[in-house]
Amino acid sequence: MEDRGNVVKLLNKKKRGLLQKVLFSRLGLIVLLIVLQIFLFLSFFTWFRQYLRHYEILRAIFSIAMVLYLFNSSMDSSAKLTWMMIISIVPFIGTAFLFYSRTNLGQNVLHDKVQEMIRRTRRLLPQKETVLQELERDPYGTEDLHRYLNREGCFPVYDGTEVTFFPLGEDKFKAMLEELEKAEDYIFMEYFIIEEGLMWGRILDVLARKAKEGVDVRVMYDGMCEITTLSYDYADRLAKLGIKAKAFSPVRAFVSTHYNYRDHRKILSIDGKVAFTGGVNLADEYINEKERFGHWKDTAVMLKGDAAASLTLSFLQMWNVTETHPDFGPCEKLAEEQKETWAAGEGAKTEGYVMPYADSPLDSDKVGETVYMDLFDRATDYVHVMTPYLILDDEMETAIKYAAQRGVDVKLILPGIPDKEMAWALAKSHYRRLVNAGVKIYEYTPGFVHAKVAVSDDCRAVVGTINLDYRSLYHHFECAAYLYKVPCIPQIEEDFQETLAKCREVTQESITNEKTFMKFKGYVMKLVAPLM
């Protein structure tokens, strides 16, 4: 108990003020630019009134030029429309903000480092050839999806992996504590949110003890934690406990655009043999120890066996971005062990296939969105999805509607109590078009759904960190596990049905009767959805 008290005292965090949060936010930058535009316009109007006609001509020519630029750019069509609207209202400052975002000041270094880590490890993990041969013979298999994913990284598809599905954060937490106690060589943790409380305190007790025993303990959290839940010197405080820690992409107000690309992954790897991923962060609301927005519904999976190596590699790629001498020794060791085991015809024999994968906002492929769309395209019977947010581009919305229109049972579960009012209003702006196409939408009445899970046809599922929104699909580092014919898939569908029983259905009548102000917020937010 004395050690626990010392840990809590050592890590007592500093509270962050509202002003600081606003300063470091995207909202702060937008407000600053709008104020600057107003100031420049008033100054121009007052001091250079005689040149207003020339200004209007210049503005018209400039706006036309920017429209031509946007039409020929490679960005998503919804984003093009948003930028056209902004530039039509505030052409000069809007254009400055556009190129500020597009040139990615400060992000180019991050981009180069991430891509270098991926290049160095593109073929680090071996692919078991017999698995690919089995999938090639399976007319409904995933060999083609494997081929697509490996264009951008190293994502083998595995047998020999036991998958455990957790329908609640509490279930994952219990299993985490049990598995952490078994660690012998290393513990790698990468989480979007870490916040002090019961959950993190219990985990931290184990990590500190394991570090003293000589286990290599590394913790990486997103840089936003430094202005929301943790102090700036938190990594130093963990170092005093023998834990290697760092914040990924620390936020610096207005200095660069790379604060837009957050590390939204949730990975725990223990000795490269056991790995966890899913929606559950390390804070008390995720295990319903603290109530926020009613009951917190989340999901996760534990991988035991060969597939844990993929999540280990994903962690090391991100960890080594800021290392002077990148080290992938743990994965190199895992790769050699797997080759030897497979060559000897040994190893665990399990049913089904597991393909962990990661998504980066710094490459040309929208991996997370493409995998979801592939799930909708392959479905013949049903696709059932839980997501906290629904902010779709045209491609994703079309894929969902097309699946429903060709007779697939498409059901979406969203929160009944939102954590973000504006995001909730934006989600509702999609309701009518989806329902008209035959998609069935439900809202979880007990509280907030934070799960990111999709299950299809009793044979496919995706469990991970990827929401159906622009942030996850375009701007975040994400990860997930693709499951095919794994024994726990019926359990995932059973959990969906149990959750569905606690939901209210969205109908044409409920959409029509929605509050006018909520509809108005949705219409307004849709204008800037790609920037959220």
Protein backbone atom coordinates (compact mmCIF):
# COMPACT_ATOMS: atom_id res chain seq x y z
CA MET A 1 0.00 0.00 0.00
CA GLU A 2 2.93 2.36 0.71
CA ASP A 3 4.32 1.76 -2.81
CA ARG A 4 0.89 2.46 -4.28
CA GLY A 5 0.73 5.73 -2.35
CA ASN A 6 4.15 6.75 -3.62
CA VAL A 7 3.12 6.01 -7.21
CA VAL A 8 -0.05 8.09 -6.92
CA LYS A 9 1.84 10.94 -5.25
CA LEU A 10 4.57 10.83 -7.86
CA LEU A 11 2.10 10.99 -10.72
CA ASN A 12 -0.27 13.59 -9.32
CA LYS A 13 -1.17 15.55 -12.45
CA LYS A 14 -1.63 19.23 -13.00
CA LYS A 15 -5.09 20.42 -14.03
CA ARG A 16 -5.40 22.11 -17.35
CA GLY A 17 -7.45 25.28 -17.71
CA LEU A 18 -10.14 25.91 -20.28
CA LEU A 19 -8.11 28.70 -21.90
CA GLN A 20 -5.20 26.36 -22.53
CA LYS A 21 -7.46 23.71 -24.09
CA VAL A 22 -8.98 26.27 -26.45
CA LEU A 23 -5.54 27.65 -27.34
CA PHE A 24 -4.29 24.24 -28.44
CA SER A 25 -7.44 23.24 -30.31
CA ARG A 26 -8.42 23.41 -33.97
CA LEU A 27 -11.25 25.71 -32.85
CA GLY A 28 -8.70 28.18 -31.50
CA LEU A 29 -6.94 28.37 -34.86
CA ILE A 30 -10.19 28.80 -36.81
CA VAL A 31 -11.43 31.54 -34.47
CA LEU A 32 -8.10 33.35 -34.76
CA LEU A 33 -8.25 33.27 -38.57
CA ILE A 34 -11.86 34.48 -38.67
CA VAL A 35 -11.06 37.37 -36.33
CA LEU A 36 -8.05 38.24 -38.48
CA GLN A 37 -10.20 38.17 -41.63
CA ILE A 38 -12.77 40.51 -40.05
CA PHE A 39 -10.04 42.87 -38.87
CA LEU A 40 -8.39 42.98 -42.29
CA PHE A 41 -11.71 43.52 -44.04
CA LEU A 42 -12.72 46.40 -41.74
CA SER A 43 -9.30 47.99 -42.11
CA PHE A 44 -9.46 47.62 -45.86
CA PHE A 45 -12.99 49.06 -45.99
CA THR A 46 -12.09 52.02 -43.79
CA TRP A 47 -8.69 53.00 -45.15
CA PHE A 48 -8.89 51.87 -48.77
CA ARG A 49 -12.51 52.51 -49.66
CA GLN A 50 -11.56 53.94 -53.01
CA TYR A 51 -10.05 50.59 -54.05
CA LEU A 52 -13.08 48.43 -53.19
CA ARG A 53 -14.02 47.94 -56.83
CA HIS A 54 -10.55 46.70 -57.65
CA TYR A 55 -10.68 44.46 -54.60
CA GLU A 56 -13.95 42.85 -55.71
CA ILE A 57 -12.53 42.13 -59.18
CA LEU A 58 -9.40 40.61 -57.64
CA ARG A 59 -11.52 38.61 -55.23
CA ALA A 60 -13.67 37.19 -58.06
CA ILE A 61 -10.64 36.17 -60.13
CA PHE A 62 -8.94 34.69 -57.08
CA SER A 63 -12.04 32.68 -56.11
CA ILE A 64 -12.41 31.26 -59.62
CA ALA A 65 -8.74 30.24 -59.62
CA MET A 66 -9.16 28.47 -56.27
CA VAL A 67 -12.28 26.63 -57.47
CA LEU A 68 -10.30 25.35 -60.46
CA TYR A 69 -7.50 24.25 -58.14
CA LEU A 70 -9.89 22.41 -55.82
CA PHE A 71 -11.71 20.66 -58.68
CA ASN A 72 -8.41 19.25 -59.89
CA SER A 73 -7.02 18.31 -56.48
CA SER A 74 -6.98 14.75 -55.13
CA MET A 75 -8.87 15.46 -51.91
CA ASP A 76 -12.22 13.88 -51.05
CA SER A 77 -15.24 15.44 -52.81
CA SER A 78 -16.90 16.39 -49.52
CA ALA A 79 -13.74 18.19 -48.44
CA LYS A 80 -13.63 20.04 -51.76
CA LEU A 81 -17.15 21.37 -51.18
CA THR A 82 -16.26 22.49 -47.66
CA TRP A 83 -13.18 24.37 -48.83
CA MET A 84 -15.12 25.97 -51.70
CA MET A 85 -17.65 27.29 -49.20
CA ILE A 86 -14.94 28.67 -46.90
CA ILE A 87 -13.04 30.32 -49.76
CA SER A 88 -16.22 31.85 -51.19
CA ILE A 89 -16.87 33.54 -47.83
CA VAL A 90 -13.32 34.46 -46.80
CA PRO A 91 -11.21 33.92 -49.93
CA PHE A 92 -7.78 35.15 -48.87
CA ILE A 93 -7.69 33.90 -45.28
CA GLY A 94 -9.55 30.72 -46.31
CA THR A 95 -6.91 30.04 -48.96
CA ALA A 96 -4.15 30.67 -46.44
CA PHE A 97 -5.73 28.15 -44.08
CA LEU A 98 -6.16 25.64 -46.93
CA PHE A 99 -2.49 25.79 -47.92
CA TYR A 100 -1.46 25.81 -44.27
CA SER A 101 -3.28 22.47 -43.97
CA ARG A 102 -2.17 21.10 -47.33
CA THR A 103 1.52 21.96 -47.00
CA ASN A 104 1.54 20.29 -43.56
CA LEU A 105 4.16 22.46 -41.91
CA GLY A 106 5.98 20.32 -39.38
CA GLN A 107 4.22 17.17 -40.59
CA ASN A 108 6.62 16.41 -43.41
CA VAL A 109 9.26 15.26 -40.94
CA LEU A 110 6.71 13.03 -39.22
CA HIS A 111 5.58 11.70 -42.59
CA ASP A 112 9.13 10.81 -43.64
CA LYS A 113 9.89 9.08 -40.34
CA VAL A 114 6.71 7.02 -40.33
CA GLN A 115 7.21 5.98 -43.94
CA GLU A 116 10.81 5.06 -43.20
CA MET A 117 9.70 2.80 -40.32
CA ILE A 118 7.18 1.11 -42.63
CA ARG A 119 9.78 0.65 -45.39
CA ARG A 120 12.25 -0.88 -42.95
CA THR A 121 9.72 -3.43 -41.73
CA ARG A 122 7.70 -4.11 -44.89
CA ARG A 123 8.80 -7.76 -44.98
CA LEU A 124 9.89 -8.20 -41.40
CA LEU A 125 7.09 -10.56 -40.35
CA PRO A 126 6.82 -13.79 -42.39
CA GLN A 127 3.65 -14.91 -44.15
CA LYS A 128 2.72 -18.54 -43.69
CA GLU A 129 2.29 -19.81 -47.26
CA THR A 130 -0.11 -22.61 -46.36
CA VAL A 131 -2.53 -20.01 -44.99
CA LEU A 132 -2.54 -18.09 -48.27
CA GLN A 133 -3.04 -21.33 -50.21
CA GLU A 134 -6.05 -22.20 -48.05
CA LEU A 135 -7.57 -18.76 -48.58
CA GLU A 136 -6.95 -18.91 -52.34
CA ARG A 137 -8.99 -22.14 -52.45
CA ASP A 138 -11.78 -20.52 -50.42
CA PRO A 139 -14.17 -18.71 -52.83
CA TYR A 140 -15.25 -16.40 -50.01
CA GLY A 141 -11.79 -15.94 -48.49
CA THR A 142 -9.71 -12.85 -47.82
CA GLU A 143 -6.60 -13.48 -49.90
CA ASP A 144 -7.35 -10.47 -52.11
CA LEU A 145 -7.86 -8.23 -49.07
CA HIS A 146 -4.53 -9.45 -47.70
CA ARG A 147 -2.90 -8.51 -51.00
CA TYR A 148 -4.38 -5.01 -50.80
CA LEU A 149 -3.31 -4.39 -47.20
CA ASN A 150 0.25 -5.49 -47.85
CA ARG A 151 0.68 -2.81 -50.50
CA GLU A 152 1.10 -0.33 -47.64
CA GLY A 153 2.61 -2.35 -44.83
CA CYS A 154 3.41 -5.73 -43.31
CA PHE A 155 0.10 -7.36 -42.36
CA PRO A 156 0.27 -11.16 -42.56
CA VAL A 157 -2.88 -13.24 -42.20
CA TYR A 158 -2.57 -15.88 -39.52
CA ASP A 159 -4.01 -19.11 -38.33
CA GLY A 160 -2.66 -20.38 -35.02
CA THR A 161 -4.28 -17.56 -33.05
CA GLU A 162 -6.89 -17.84 -30.32
CA VAL A 163 -9.26 -14.84 -30.29
CA THR A 164 -11.23 -13.76 -27.22
CA PHE A 165 -13.96 -11.14 -27.62
CA PHE A 166 -14.79 -8.77 -24.76
CA PRO A 167 -18.30 -7.23 -24.90
CA LEU A 168 -17.45 -4.63 -22.24
CA GLY A 169 -14.43 -2.65 -21.09
CA GLU A 170 -14.70 -4.28 -17.67
CA ASP A 171 -14.10 -7.69 -19.25
CA LYS A 172 -11.01 -6.48 -21.09
CA PHE A 173 -9.65 -4.82 -17.94
CA LYS A 174 -9.87 -8.04 -15.94
CA ALA A 175 -8.10 -10.02 -18.67
CA MET A 176 -5.44 -7.31 -19.05
CA LEU A 177 -4.49 -7.52 -15.39
CA GLU A 178 -4.23 -11.30 -15.58
CA GLU A 179 -2.03 -11.25 -18.69
CA LEU A 180 0.19 -8.40 -17.48
CA GLU A 181 1.12 -10.50 -14.45
CA LYS A 182 2.49 -13.17 -16.83
CA ALA A 183 4.88 -10.82 -18.68
CA GLU A 184 8.49 -12.02 -18.78
CA ASP A 185 10.30 -10.02 -21.48
CA TYR A 186 8.37 -6.87 -22.39
CA ILE A 187 5.12 -4.96 -22.12
CA PHE A 188 4.30 -2.48 -24.90
CA MET A 189 1.32 -0.15 -24.45
CA GLU A 190 0.04 2.42 -26.97
CA TYR A 191 -3.18 4.25 -26.06
CA PHE A 192 -5.00 7.34 -27.26
CA ILE A 193 -6.13 8.28 -23.73
CA ILE A 194 -4.58 7.55 -20.35
CA GLU A 195 -6.17 9.15 -17.31
CA GLU A 196 -5.42 8.58 -13.65
CA GLY A 197 -8.01 6.66 -11.70
CA LEU A 198 -8.83 3.13 -10.64
CA MET A 199 -8.16 1.50 -14.01
CA TRP A 200 -4.83 3.17 -14.74
CA GLY A 201 -3.79 2.95 -11.09
CA ARG A 202 -4.25 -0.84 -11.00
CA ILE A 203 -2.40 -1.24 -14.30
CA LEU A 204 0.38 1.10 -13.23
CA ASP A 205 0.98 -0.90 -10.05
CA VAL A 206 1.67 -3.98 -12.19
CA LEU A 207 3.82 -2.05 -14.69
CA ALA A 208 6.00 -0.53 -11.94
CA ARG A 209 6.47 -3.91 -10.30
CA LYS A 210 7.31 -5.61 -13.60
CA ALA A 211 9.80 -2.88 -14.48
CA LYS A 212 11.60 -3.54 -11.17
CA GLU A 213 11.75 -7.22 -12.11
CA GLY A 214 13.61 -6.32 -15.33
CA VAL A 215 10.72 -6.46 -17.80
CA ASP A 216 11.05 -3.89 -20.62
CA VAL A 217 7.96 -1.71 -20.03
CA ARG A 218 7.12 0.97 -22.60
CA VAL A 219 4.09 3.26 -22.58
CA MET A 220 3.14 5.62 -25.40
CA TYR A 221 0.13 7.93 -25.29
CA ASP A 222 -1.16 10.56 -27.68
CA GLY A 223 0.20 14.07 -27.24
CA MET A 224 -3.30 15.46 -26.65
CA CYS A 225 -3.20 13.78 -23.23
CA GLU A 226 -0.72 16.46 -22.15
CA ILE A 227 -3.44 19.12 -22.40
CA THR A 228 -6.39 17.02 -21.29
CA THR A 229 -5.58 14.26 -18.78
CA LEU A 230 -1.86 14.20 -17.99
CA SER A 231 0.87 16.69 -17.10
CA TYR A 232 3.63 17.68 -19.52
CA ASP A 233 6.26 15.90 -17.44
CA TYR A 234 4.29 12.65 -17.11
CA ALA A 235 6.82 10.66 -19.15
CA ASP A 236 9.56 11.81 -16.78
CA ARG A 237 7.47 10.76 -13.81
CA LEU A 238 6.96 7.30 -15.30
CA ALA A 239 10.70 7.07 -15.95
CA LYS A 240 11.28 7.34 -12.21
CA LEU A 241 9.32 4.09 -11.90
CA GLY A 242 11.54 2.38 -14.48
CA ILE A 243 8.94 2.74 -17.24
CA LYS A 244 9.99 4.08 -20.66
CA ALA A 245 7.30 6.51 -21.78
CA LYS A 246 6.67 9.15 -24.43
CA ALA A 247 3.89 11.26 -25.86
CA PHE A 248 3.30 10.75 -29.57
CA SER A 249 3.29 14.03 -31.51
CA PRO A 250 3.15 16.54 -28.63
CA VAL A 251 0.87 19.48 -29.38
CA ARG A 252 2.40 22.90 -30.00
CA ALA A 253 -0.12 25.72 -30.40
CA PHE A 254 -0.34 27.13 -33.97
CA VAL A 255 3.21 26.01 -34.79
CA SER A 256 2.44 23.14 -37.15
CA THR A 257 -0.39 21.14 -38.65
CA HIS A 258 0.74 17.71 -37.53
CA TYR A 259 -1.34 18.03 -34.36
CA ASN A 260 -4.17 17.08 -36.72
CA TYR A 261 -2.80 13.53 -36.99
CA ARG A 262 -3.45 11.87 -33.65
CA ASP A 263 -2.45 8.39 -32.50
CA HIS A 264 -5.90 6.87 -31.89
CA ARG A 265 -4.61 3.29 -31.57
CA LYS A 266 -5.13 1.07 -28.53
CA ILE A 267 -2.50 -1.67 -28.36
CA LEU A 268 -1.18 -3.82 -25.56
CA SER A 269 1.46 -6.41 -26.48
CA ILE A 270 2.86 -8.79 -23.89
CA ASP A 271 6.01 -10.68 -24.95
CA GLY A 272 4.70 -10.63 -28.54
CA LYS A 273 2.55 -13.64 -27.66
CA VAL A 274 -0.57 -11.90 -26.37
CA ALA A 275 -2.05 -8.67 -27.71
CA PHE A 276 -5.16 -6.56 -27.12
CA THR A 277 -6.93 -3.99 -29.28
CA GLY A 278 -10.39 -2.43 -29.50
CA GLY A 279 -12.12 0.72 -28.39
CA VAL A 280 -11.19 0.69 -24.70
CA ASN A 281 -8.83 3.42 -23.49
CA LEU A 282 -7.23 3.52 -20.04
CA ALA A 283 -9.69 5.67 -18.11
CA ASP A 284 -12.42 4.86 -15.62
CA GLU A 285 -15.44 5.61 -17.81
CA TYR A 286 -14.36 2.81 -20.16
CA ILE A 287 -14.96 0.25 -17.41
CA ASN A 288 -18.04 2.04 -16.01
CA GLU A 289 -16.19 2.88 -12.81
CA LYS A 290 -17.05 6.51 -13.53
CA GLU A 291 -20.29 7.49 -15.24
CA ARG A 292 -20.13 9.75 -18.26
CA PHE A 293 -23.03 9.81 -20.69
CA GLY A 294 -24.82 6.90 -19.04
CA HIS A 295 -23.65 3.31 -19.44
CA TRP A 296 -20.44 3.06 -21.49
CA LYS A 297 -20.67 0.29 -24.10
CA ASP A 298 -17.32 -0.76 -25.55
CA THR A 299 -15.66 -3.82 -27.06
CA ALA A 300 -12.18 -5.33 -27.47
CA VAL A 301 -10.37 -8.50 -28.51
CA MET A 302 -7.41 -10.44 -27.17
CA LEU A 303 -5.16 -12.31 -29.61
CA LYS A 304 -3.11 -15.23 -28.27
CA GLY A 305 -0.66 -16.70 -30.71
CA ASP A 306 1.08 -15.75 -33.93
CA ALA A 307 -1.12 -12.75 -34.84
CA ALA A 308 0.04 -10.86 -31.73
CA ALA A 309 3.28 -10.19 -33.63
CA SER A 310 1.48 -7.79 -36.00
CA LEU A 311 0.30 -5.50 -33.20
CA THR A 312 3.77 -5.68 -31.68
CA LEU A 313 5.22 -4.45 -34.97
CA SER A 314 2.62 -1.65 -35.21
CA PHE A 315 3.67 -0.46 -31.76
CA LEU A 316 7.39 -0.53 -32.57
CA GLN A 317 6.89 1.37 -35.82
CA MET A 318 5.31 4.26 -33.90
CA TRP A 319 7.71 4.04 -30.97
CA ASN A 320 10.77 4.21 -33.22
CA VAL A 321 9.60 7.34 -35.06
CA THR A 322 11.35 9.48 -32.44
CA GLU A 323 14.26 7.13 -31.72
CA THR A 324 17.76 8.03 -32.94
CA HIS A 325 18.61 4.35 -33.42
CA PRO A 326 15.41 2.44 -34.27
CA ASP A 327 15.33 -1.07 -32.86
CA PHE A 328 12.97 -3.81 -34.06
CA GLY A 329 14.72 -6.59 -32.17
CA PRO A 330 11.58 -7.98 -30.47
CA CYS A 331 9.84 -8.41 -33.83
CA GLU A 332 12.92 -9.83 -35.51
CA LYS A 333 13.05 -12.45 -32.75
CA LEU A 334 9.34 -13.23 -33.18
CA ALA A 335 9.81 -13.59 -36.93
CA GLU A 336 12.63 -16.09 -36.53
CA GLU A 337 10.67 -18.10 -33.98
CA GLN A 338 7.65 -18.24 -36.28
CA LYS A 339 9.73 -19.39 -39.27
CA GLU A 340 11.34 -22.16 -37.21
CA THR A 341 8.03 -23.29 -35.76
CA TRP A 342 6.28 -23.40 -39.13
CA ALA A 343 9.21 -25.15 -40.82
CA ALA A 344 9.06 -27.86 -38.15
CA GLY A 345 5.32 -28.25 -38.69
CA GLU A 346 4.65 -27.22 -35.12
CA GLY A 347 2.63 -24.43 -33.56
CA ALA A 348 -0.92 -23.95 -32.34
CA LYS A 349 -3.76 -25.23 -34.51
CA THR A 350 -6.83 -23.04 -34.31
CA GLU A 351 -9.92 -22.51 -36.42
CA GLY A 352 -10.22 -19.40 -38.59
CA TYR A 353 -7.91 -16.61 -39.67
CA VAL A 354 -6.82 -13.34 -38.10
CA MET A 355 -5.32 -10.35 -39.90
CA PRO A 356 -4.37 -7.39 -37.66
CA TYR A 357 -3.79 -4.20 -39.64
CA ALA A 358 -3.00 -0.53 -39.09
CA ASP A 359 -3.92 2.67 -40.87
CA SER A 360 -1.84 5.81 -41.28
CA PRO A 361 -3.10 9.22 -42.40
CA LEU A 362 0.27 9.86 -44.04
CA ASP A 363 -0.09 7.51 -46.99
CA SER A 364 -2.32 7.57 -50.05
CA ASP A 365 -4.62 4.70 -49.02
CA LYS A 366 -7.68 4.98 -46.76
CA VAL A 367 -7.13 1.51 -45.32
CA GLY A 368 -9.69 1.70 -42.52
CA GLU A 369 -12.47 2.91 -44.81
CA THR A 370 -11.58 0.43 -47.56
CA VAL A 371 -11.77 -2.56 -45.18
CA TYR A 372 -15.19 -1.43 -43.96
CA MET A 373 -16.38 -0.95 -47.54
CA ASP A 374 -15.04 -4.41 -48.42
CA LEU A 375 -17.13 -5.84 -45.58
CA PHE A 376 -20.30 -4.20 -46.95
CA ASP A 377 -19.47 -5.28 -50.52
CA ARG A 378 -18.87 -8.95 -49.63
CA ALA A 379 -21.95 -9.32 -47.41
CA THR A 380 -24.77 -11.54 -48.64
CA ASP A 381 -26.90 -11.83 -45.50
CA TYR A 382 -26.15 -9.08 -42.98
CA VAL A 383 -23.72 -6.42 -41.78
CA HIS A 384 -24.16 -5.19 -38.20
CA VAL A 385 -22.09 -2.25 -36.96
CA MET A 386 -21.58 -0.37 -33.70
CA THR A 387 -19.92 3.05 -33.90
CA PRO A 388 -19.93 6.14 -31.67
CA TYR A 389 -19.90 8.57 -34.61
CA LEU A 390 -21.39 8.63 -38.11
CA ILE A 391 -19.70 11.25 -40.27
CA LEU A 392 -19.54 9.74 -43.74
CA ASP A 393 -18.08 10.78 -47.06
CA ASP A 394 -20.02 10.03 -50.26
CA GLU A 395 -18.15 6.78 -50.96
CA MET A 396 -18.82 5.26 -47.55
CA GLU A 397 -22.46 6.32 -47.53
CA THR A 398 -22.95 4.84 -51.01
CA ALA A 399 -21.40 1.50 -49.94
CA ILE A 400 -23.71 1.27 -46.92
CA LYS A 401 -26.82 2.20 -48.90
CA TYR A 402 -25.97 -0.15 -51.77
CA ALA A 403 -25.62 -3.10 -49.41
CA ALA A 404 -29.08 -2.40 -47.97
CA GLN A 405 -30.62 -1.79 -51.40
CA ARG A 406 -29.48 -5.19 -52.69
CA GLY A 407 -31.17 -6.97 -49.78
CA VAL A 408 -28.44 -7.19 -47.13
CA ASP A 409 -29.69 -6.63 -43.57
CA VAL A 410 -27.70 -3.51 -42.59
CA LYS A 411 -28.07 -2.36 -39.00
CA LEU A 412 -26.14 0.44 -37.25
CA ILE A 413 -26.09 1.05 -33.49
CA LEU A 414 -25.13 4.54 -32.33
CA PRO A 415 -25.20 6.26 -28.93
CA GLY A 416 -28.45 7.22 -27.28
CA ILE A 417 -26.59 9.68 -25.06
CA PRO A 418 -23.88 11.52 -27.04
CA ASP A 419 -20.51 12.71 -25.80
CA LYS A 420 -20.37 15.47 -28.44
CA GLU A 421 -23.58 17.28 -29.35
CA MET A 422 -22.29 18.62 -32.66
CA ALA A 423 -21.05 15.18 -33.81
CA TRP A 424 -24.42 13.69 -32.80
CA ALA A 425 -26.27 16.32 -34.81
CA LEU A 426 -24.04 15.60 -37.78
CA ALA A 427 -24.70 11.85 -37.49
CA LYS A 428 -28.44 12.53 -37.56
CA SER A 429 -28.03 14.45 -40.81
CA HIS A 430 -27.29 11.08 -42.49
CA TYR A 431 -30.31 9.31 -41.01
CA ARG A 432 -32.97 10.07 -43.59
CA ARG A 433 -30.93 9.05 -46.65
CA LEU A 434 -29.76 5.83 -44.99
CA VAL A 435 -33.21 4.88 -43.71
CA ASN A 436 -34.74 5.63 -47.13
CA ALA A 437 -32.25 3.13 -48.61
CA GLY A 438 -33.32 0.42 -46.17
CA VAL A 439 -30.58 0.81 -43.54
CA LYS A 440 -31.89 0.24 -40.01
CA ILE A 441 -30.47 2.62 -37.41
CA TYR A 442 -30.75 2.27 -33.64
CA GLU A 443 -29.71 4.40 -30.65
CA TYR A 444 -28.46 2.81 -27.42
CA THR A 445 -30.83 4.14 -24.78
CA PRO A 446 -28.78 3.29 -21.63
CA GLY A 447 -25.94 5.56 -22.69
CA PHE A 448 -22.92 5.92 -24.95
CA VAL A 449 -21.66 3.41 -27.52
CA HIS A 450 -17.90 3.69 -27.97
CA ALA A 451 -17.47 0.27 -29.63
CA LYS A 452 -15.95 0.09 -33.10
CA VAL A 453 -17.11 -3.32 -34.27
CA ALA A 454 -18.62 -4.75 -37.45
CA VAL A 455 -19.80 -8.33 -38.00
CA SER A 456 -21.09 -9.93 -41.20
CA ASP A 457 -22.65 -13.22 -42.33
CA ASP A 458 -21.51 -15.16 -39.22
CA CYS A 459 -18.04 -15.45 -40.74
CA ARG A 460 -16.40 -12.00 -40.84
CA ALA A 461 -15.80 -9.31 -38.24
CA VAL A 462 -13.66 -6.25 -37.58
CA VAL A 463 -12.87 -5.14 -34.04
CA GLY A 464 -10.57 -2.20 -33.49
CA THR A 465 -10.24 1.53 -32.98
CA ILE A 466 -11.75 2.84 -36.24
CA ASN A 467 -14.91 4.94 -36.08
CA LEU A 468 -17.15 5.68 -39.05
CA ASP A 469 -16.11 9.33 -39.13
CA TYR A 470 -13.65 11.61 -40.90
CA ARG A 471 -11.27 11.72 -37.95
CA SER A 472 -10.72 7.97 -37.91
CA LEU A 473 -10.95 7.36 -41.65
CA TYR A 474 -8.73 10.26 -42.76
CA HIS A 475 -6.76 11.89 -39.95
CA HIS A 476 -5.86 9.35 -37.24
CA PHE A 477 -3.38 6.53 -36.82
CA GLU A 478 -5.65 3.53 -36.25
CA CYS A 479 -5.56 -0.26 -35.91
CA ALA A 480 -7.94 -3.23 -35.94
CA ALA A 481 -8.16 -6.99 -36.28
CA TYR A 482 -9.94 -8.56 -39.25
CA LEU A 483 -11.43 -11.92 -38.28
CA TYR A 484 -12.52 -14.63 -40.72
CA LYS A 485 -14.25 -17.87 -39.65
CA VAL A 486 -12.97 -17.37 -36.09
CA PRO A 487 -15.04 -19.23 -33.44
CA CYS A 488 -15.83 -16.05 -31.47
CA ILE A 489 -17.66 -14.36 -34.39
CA PRO A 490 -21.08 -15.77 -33.34
CA GLN A 491 -20.39 -14.28 -29.89
CA ILE A 492 -19.83 -10.87 -31.51
CA GLU A 493 -23.18 -11.15 -33.31
CA GLU A 494 -24.86 -12.31 -30.08
CA ASP A 495 -23.49 -9.23 -28.30
CA PHE A 496 -24.84 -7.05 -31.09
CA GLN A 497 -28.31 -8.56 -30.68
CA GLU A 498 -28.20 -8.13 -26.89
CA THR A 499 -27.20 -4.49 -27.35
CA LEU A 500 -29.91 -4.06 -29.98
CA ALA A 501 -32.55 -5.11 -27.45
CA LYS A 502 -31.64 -2.02 -25.39
CA CYS A 503 -31.98 0.38 -28.32
CA ARG A 504 -34.69 2.55 -29.84
CA GLU A 505 -35.13 2.36 -33.59
CA VAL A 506 -34.77 5.45 -35.73
CA THR A 507 -37.84 5.72 -37.98
CA GLN A 508 -39.09 8.12 -40.62
CA GLU A 509 -41.47 9.48 -37.99
CA SER A 510 -38.73 10.02 -35.38
CA ILE A 511 -36.56 11.74 -38.00
CA THR A 512 -39.44 14.05 -38.95
CA ASN A 513 -40.17 14.81 -35.29
CA GLU A 514 -36.55 15.59 -34.45
CA LYS A 515 -36.12 19.01 -32.85
CA THR A 516 -35.71 21.79 -35.39
CA PHE A 517 -32.61 23.14 -33.68
CA MET A 518 -30.95 19.69 -33.81
CA LYS A 519 -31.67 19.48 -37.54
CA PHE A 520 -30.29 22.97 -38.02
CA LYS A 521 -27.08 22.08 -36.18
CA GLY A 522 -26.70 19.01 -38.38
CA TYR A 523 -27.15 21.02 -41.56
CA VAL A 524 -24.62 23.61 -40.42
CA MET A 525 -22.07 21.06 -39.22
CA LYS A 526 -22.34 19.15 -42.49
CA LEU A 527 -20.78 22.16 -44.19
CA VAL A 528 -17.58 21.67 -42.21
CA ALA A 529 -17.74 17.90 -41.56
CA PRO A 530 -14.35 17.14 -43.23
CA LEU A 531 -12.68 19.60 -40.81
CA MET A 532 -14.12 18.05 -37.63
